[in-house]
Every structure is written in structure tokens, then in C-alpha cells.
Amino acid sequence: MAGAPVPDIVVGRLPLYLRALVQMGDEAKEVTSSQQLGDRLGISSAQIRKDLSQFGEFGKQGTGYNVAFLIGQLKRILKVEKIWDVALVGVGDLGRAVAHYAGFIDRGFRIAALFDSDPAKIGTRVDDLLIEDTGTMVESIRARGLKVAMLAVPARGAQVVAEKLVEAGIQAILCYAPTSINVPANVRVQYIDPVLRMQQMTHYL
């Protein structure tokens, strides 16, 4: 059906393609094929071609894909051709590690604001960022015009913080808290819980 939304599972594979293509670019590879890309990722070449065809024609049969061009197209589709400023809520051990992570900036994201409710942390710094009080979070996020947030608070407080983020105008939340949060349908949530993934793996051991 023309104009039908692209399935989430397809969008979810695009960052994998982008990461592999960037690695190819770092290796000075100028052209690749769906087969070569699939061999790196463990995804069939037919699936890669089908996924990319949802967004247009990016290669020619027999000649493959221009790596730099396809990187640019995927960045455009994923809207990471620009840098997104991100709010990080929760600066405990996990949050501090996330704040220190250097791999965001060259992939389209920058930690721009830190928030915590612990009086011992408020007013201190992580690198050059000041940890702000979650009590002023809504106004601070609104003033900055932020749309993306990471949630690294304990599970018991995640829902309340998520509601404040929505109130502040956040439209996308990456949730590290080991729980599910309820947000309006127009707010996108992704979860990262390593324990869930390990539980999946141990089933096969």
C-alpha cells in the first residue's frame, strides 16, 4: 500500500546497516554489495535489499552501493545527519558511565543536560556538565528545546520521571531502568536492559 508506514523492525535494522557502512568507510572501502553487508551482519542480502527498497533505490544491480552515498542516505532517513542534544536523568553509576561515553557525538547525539534528585550530586559536574535538580527539569528541558532523553533512574521512580519528561516536551526516551513505562502514543520509548538479554541467551545454554 502506497504511503504505508515502514515497519518498526525495518527501521530497527537501519542503524546496524549504518554502523557497518561507517566501518567499511573507515577501511577505505568505496563500494559494497548487499551480500558483503549481509555477511558482516548475519542478515540475508535479500532482506537488506528489501529493507533499503522501502526508502528508495540506492544502488545498481551489478555495481552495488556507493558506501559514502548510502551512509549519507541512511543518516538522512534516521535524521542523524545533525547532532541531537540529549537530556540524561539519573547520574548514578550507570548514568555517570553513559555521560562519560565518547561514542555518542560522532553518531548523531550529544549529552547536553544532566539531572538527578540526590542533593549530594546536584551542583557537581561530570566533565563539563553541571548536574541539575530534577525539580527544575521540566523548565530546563523546555528552555533548551530538547526532544530526546535517556532515563537511568531506579525502576521505582521511572514512571514519575517519564511523565515529567513528557510534560517537558520530550518525544523520545531511551530507558535503562529495568521496568516498563507508560507514555502517550506520540512518545517513542526504547528499552535497554542487559539482564533481559542475558536471560534470553541462557535459555539456549
Protein backbone atom coordinates (compact mmCIF):
# COMPACT_ATOMS: atom_id res chain seq x y z
CA MET A 1 0.00 0.00 0.00
CA ALA A 2 1.47 3.35 -1.05
CA GLY A 3 2.32 5.60 1.83
CA ALA A 4 2.08 2.82 4.40
CA PRO A 5 4.41 3.32 7.39
CA VAL A 6 7.68 1.42 7.35
CA PRO A 7 7.58 -1.43 9.93
CA ASP A 8 9.49 -0.78 13.15
CA ILE A 9 11.54 -3.92 12.65
CA VAL A 10 12.88 -2.50 9.37
CA VAL A 11 13.74 0.86 10.95
CA GLY A 12 15.45 -1.07 13.75
CA ARG A 13 17.86 -2.67 11.27
CA LEU A 14 18.89 0.61 9.62
CA PRO A 15 21.31 1.64 12.41
CA LEU A 16 23.01 -1.75 12.00
CA TYR A 17 23.47 -1.08 8.30
CA LEU A 18 24.75 2.41 9.03
CA ARG A 19 27.28 1.18 11.60
CA ALA A 20 28.61 -1.48 9.22
CA LEU A 21 28.86 1.03 6.37
CA VAL A 22 30.76 3.50 8.54
CA GLN A 23 33.19 0.71 9.42
CA MET A 24 33.60 -0.01 5.72
CA GLY A 25 34.26 3.67 5.10
CA ASP A 26 36.93 3.64 7.81
CA GLU A 27 38.52 0.76 5.92
CA ALA A 28 38.61 2.93 2.76
CA LYS A 29 36.03 0.72 1.06
CA GLU A 30 34.21 2.76 -1.61
CA VAL A 31 31.67 0.24 -2.92
CA THR A 32 29.86 -2.64 -1.28
CA SER A 33 27.08 -5.09 -2.05
CA SER A 34 24.11 -6.36 -0.09
CA GLN A 35 25.91 -9.70 0.12
CA GLN A 36 29.03 -8.16 1.68
CA LEU A 37 26.91 -6.11 4.06
CA GLY A 38 24.88 -9.17 4.98
CA ASP A 39 28.00 -11.24 5.62
CA ARG A 40 29.12 -8.67 8.20
CA LEU A 41 25.78 -8.55 9.94
CA GLY A 42 24.45 -12.08 9.63
CA ILE A 43 21.45 -10.80 7.67
CA SER A 44 20.47 -12.13 4.25
CA SER A 45 21.28 -9.98 1.24
CA ALA A 46 17.65 -10.29 0.14
CA GLN A 47 16.48 -8.84 3.46
CA ILE A 48 18.89 -5.92 3.17
CA ARG A 49 17.73 -5.12 -0.35
CA LYS A 50 14.10 -5.34 0.71
CA ASP A 51 14.68 -3.07 3.71
CA LEU A 52 16.50 -0.42 1.70
CA SER A 53 13.89 -0.51 -1.06
CA GLN A 54 11.35 0.81 1.45
CA PHE A 55 13.13 4.16 1.19
CA GLY A 56 14.18 4.30 -2.47
CA GLU A 57 16.77 2.94 -4.87
CA PHE A 58 20.30 3.41 -3.55
CA GLY A 59 22.34 1.05 -5.72
CA LYS A 60 22.52 -0.52 -9.15
CA GLN A 61 22.37 -4.21 -9.91
CA GLY A 62 25.84 -5.45 -10.72
CA THR A 63 27.62 -2.41 -9.27
CA GLY A 64 26.40 -2.42 -5.66
CA TYR A 65 26.20 0.54 -3.32
CA ASN A 66 28.46 3.54 -3.03
CA VAL A 67 29.42 3.41 0.65
CA ALA A 68 29.67 7.17 1.27
CA PHE A 69 26.40 7.85 -0.56
CA LEU A 70 24.50 5.16 1.33
CA ILE A 71 25.90 6.40 4.65
CA GLY A 72 24.54 9.84 3.83
CA GLN A 73 21.14 8.48 2.82
CA LEU A 74 20.78 6.38 5.98
CA LYS A 75 21.78 9.33 8.16
CA ARG A 76 19.09 11.37 6.44
CA ILE A 77 16.47 8.66 6.93
CA LEU A 78 17.39 8.22 10.59
CA LYS A 79 17.66 12.02 11.00
CA VAL A 80 21.17 11.79 12.41
CA GLU A 81 22.75 13.99 9.77
CA LYS A 82 22.57 16.56 12.57
CA ILE A 83 23.50 16.37 16.25
CA TRP A 84 20.64 15.79 18.72
CA ASP A 85 21.11 17.26 22.19
CA VAL A 86 20.01 14.77 24.85
CA ALA A 87 18.93 15.05 28.48
CA LEU A 88 20.20 12.34 30.84
CA VAL A 89 18.18 11.76 34.01
CA GLY A 90 19.87 9.77 36.77
CA VAL A 91 23.59 10.19 37.40
CA GLY A 92 24.33 7.10 39.47
CA ASP A 93 26.92 4.54 38.42
CA LEU A 94 25.14 3.74 35.15
CA GLY A 95 24.22 7.32 34.34
CA ARG A 96 27.74 8.53 35.02
CA ALA A 97 29.15 5.85 32.70
CA VAL A 98 26.69 6.89 29.99
CA ALA A 99 27.62 10.55 30.46
CA HIS A 100 31.31 9.68 30.04
CA TYR A 101 30.73 7.56 26.92
CA ALA A 102 32.52 9.14 23.98
CA GLY A 103 30.69 7.24 21.24
CA PHE A 104 27.57 9.40 21.01
CA ILE A 105 28.85 12.54 19.34
CA ASP A 106 30.08 11.01 16.09
CA ARG A 107 26.82 9.08 15.70
CA GLY A 108 24.40 11.98 16.00
CA PHE A 109 23.92 12.60 19.73
CA ARG A 110 25.36 14.78 22.48
CA ILE A 111 24.61 14.66 26.20
CA ALA A 112 23.62 18.28 26.84
CA ALA A 113 21.96 18.21 30.27
CA LEU A 114 22.24 16.06 33.41
CA PHE A 115 19.57 15.74 36.12
CA ASP A 116 19.43 13.96 39.47
CA SER A 117 17.39 14.16 42.69
CA ASP A 118 20.31 13.42 45.06
CA PRO A 119 21.31 16.63 46.91
CA ALA A 120 24.89 15.33 47.13
CA LYS A 121 25.12 15.25 43.33
CA ILE A 122 23.18 18.39 42.42
CA GLY A 123 25.57 21.22 41.61
CA THR A 124 28.53 18.93 40.95
CA ARG A 125 29.92 18.22 37.50
CA VAL A 126 30.53 15.30 35.19
CA ASP A 127 33.24 16.55 32.87
CA ASP A 128 31.94 19.97 31.78
CA LEU A 129 28.26 19.31 32.53
CA LEU A 130 26.56 20.53 35.69
CA ILE A 131 24.18 18.10 37.40
CA GLU A 132 20.85 19.90 37.79
CA ASP A 133 17.95 19.24 40.17
CA THR A 134 15.15 17.11 38.71
CA GLY A 135 12.82 19.57 40.44
CA THR A 136 13.73 22.14 37.77
CA MET A 137 13.98 19.60 34.96
CA VAL A 138 10.74 20.46 33.13
CA GLU A 139 11.60 24.15 32.82
CA SER A 140 15.23 23.45 31.94
CA ILE A 141 14.39 20.97 29.17
CA ARG A 142 11.74 23.29 27.75
CA ALA A 143 14.19 26.20 27.72
CA ARG A 144 16.72 24.11 25.79
CA GLY A 145 14.13 22.72 23.38
CA LEU A 146 15.31 19.14 23.93
CA LYS A 147 13.34 16.31 22.32
CA VAL A 148 15.39 13.23 23.33
CA ALA A 149 16.13 11.89 26.82
CA MET A 150 17.86 8.95 28.48
CA LEU A 151 16.37 7.57 31.66
CA ALA A 152 18.84 5.92 34.08
CA VAL A 153 16.90 6.08 37.35
CA PRO A 154 15.82 3.17 39.58
CA ALA A 155 12.76 1.27 38.37
CA ARG A 156 10.55 2.54 41.20
CA GLY A 157 10.95 6.15 40.07
CA ALA A 158 10.97 5.68 36.32
CA GLN A 159 7.27 6.31 35.65
CA VAL A 160 7.15 9.62 37.54
CA VAL A 161 10.30 10.86 35.80
CA ALA A 162 8.96 9.75 32.41
CA GLU A 163 5.78 11.76 32.98
CA LYS A 164 7.87 14.84 33.76
CA LEU A 165 9.91 14.30 30.61
CA VAL A 166 6.72 14.15 28.54
CA GLU A 167 5.49 17.32 30.25
CA ALA A 168 8.78 18.97 29.29
CA GLY A 169 8.25 18.15 25.61
CA ILE A 170 10.46 15.10 25.28
CA GLN A 171 9.35 12.93 22.34
CA ALA A 172 11.84 10.05 22.52
CA ILE A 173 13.08 8.23 25.64
CA LEU A 174 15.83 5.63 25.90
CA CYS A 175 15.03 3.79 29.13
CA TYR A 176 17.78 1.99 31.05
CA ALA A 177 15.51 1.42 34.05
CA PRO A 178 14.56 -2.28 34.40
CA THR A 179 10.84 -1.63 34.05
CA SER A 180 8.22 -0.56 31.53
CA ILE A 181 6.92 2.98 31.43
CA ASN A 182 3.59 4.30 30.16
CA VAL A 183 3.71 7.34 27.91
CA PRO A 184 1.40 8.88 25.29
CA ALA A 185 1.31 7.21 21.89
CA ASN A 186 3.25 10.05 20.26
CA VAL A 187 6.29 9.47 22.52
CA ARG A 188 8.71 6.79 21.35
CA VAL A 189 10.34 4.60 24.00
CA GLN A 190 13.21 2.13 23.58
CA TYR A 191 14.47 -0.09 26.40
CA ILE A 192 17.95 -1.30 27.26
CA ASP A 193 18.01 -4.00 29.95
CA PRO A 194 21.10 -6.26 29.80
CA VAL A 195 19.54 -8.77 32.20
CA LEU A 196 16.66 -9.44 29.82
CA ARG A 197 19.12 -10.16 27.02
CA MET A 198 21.18 -12.47 29.22
CA GLN A 199 18.04 -14.33 30.26
CA GLN A 200 17.26 -14.84 26.59
CA MET A 201 20.76 -16.20 25.97
CA THR A 202 20.84 -18.57 28.94
CA HIS A 203 17.72 -20.30 27.62
CA TYR A 204 19.96 -21.73 24.89
CA LEU A 205 22.81 -22.84 27.14
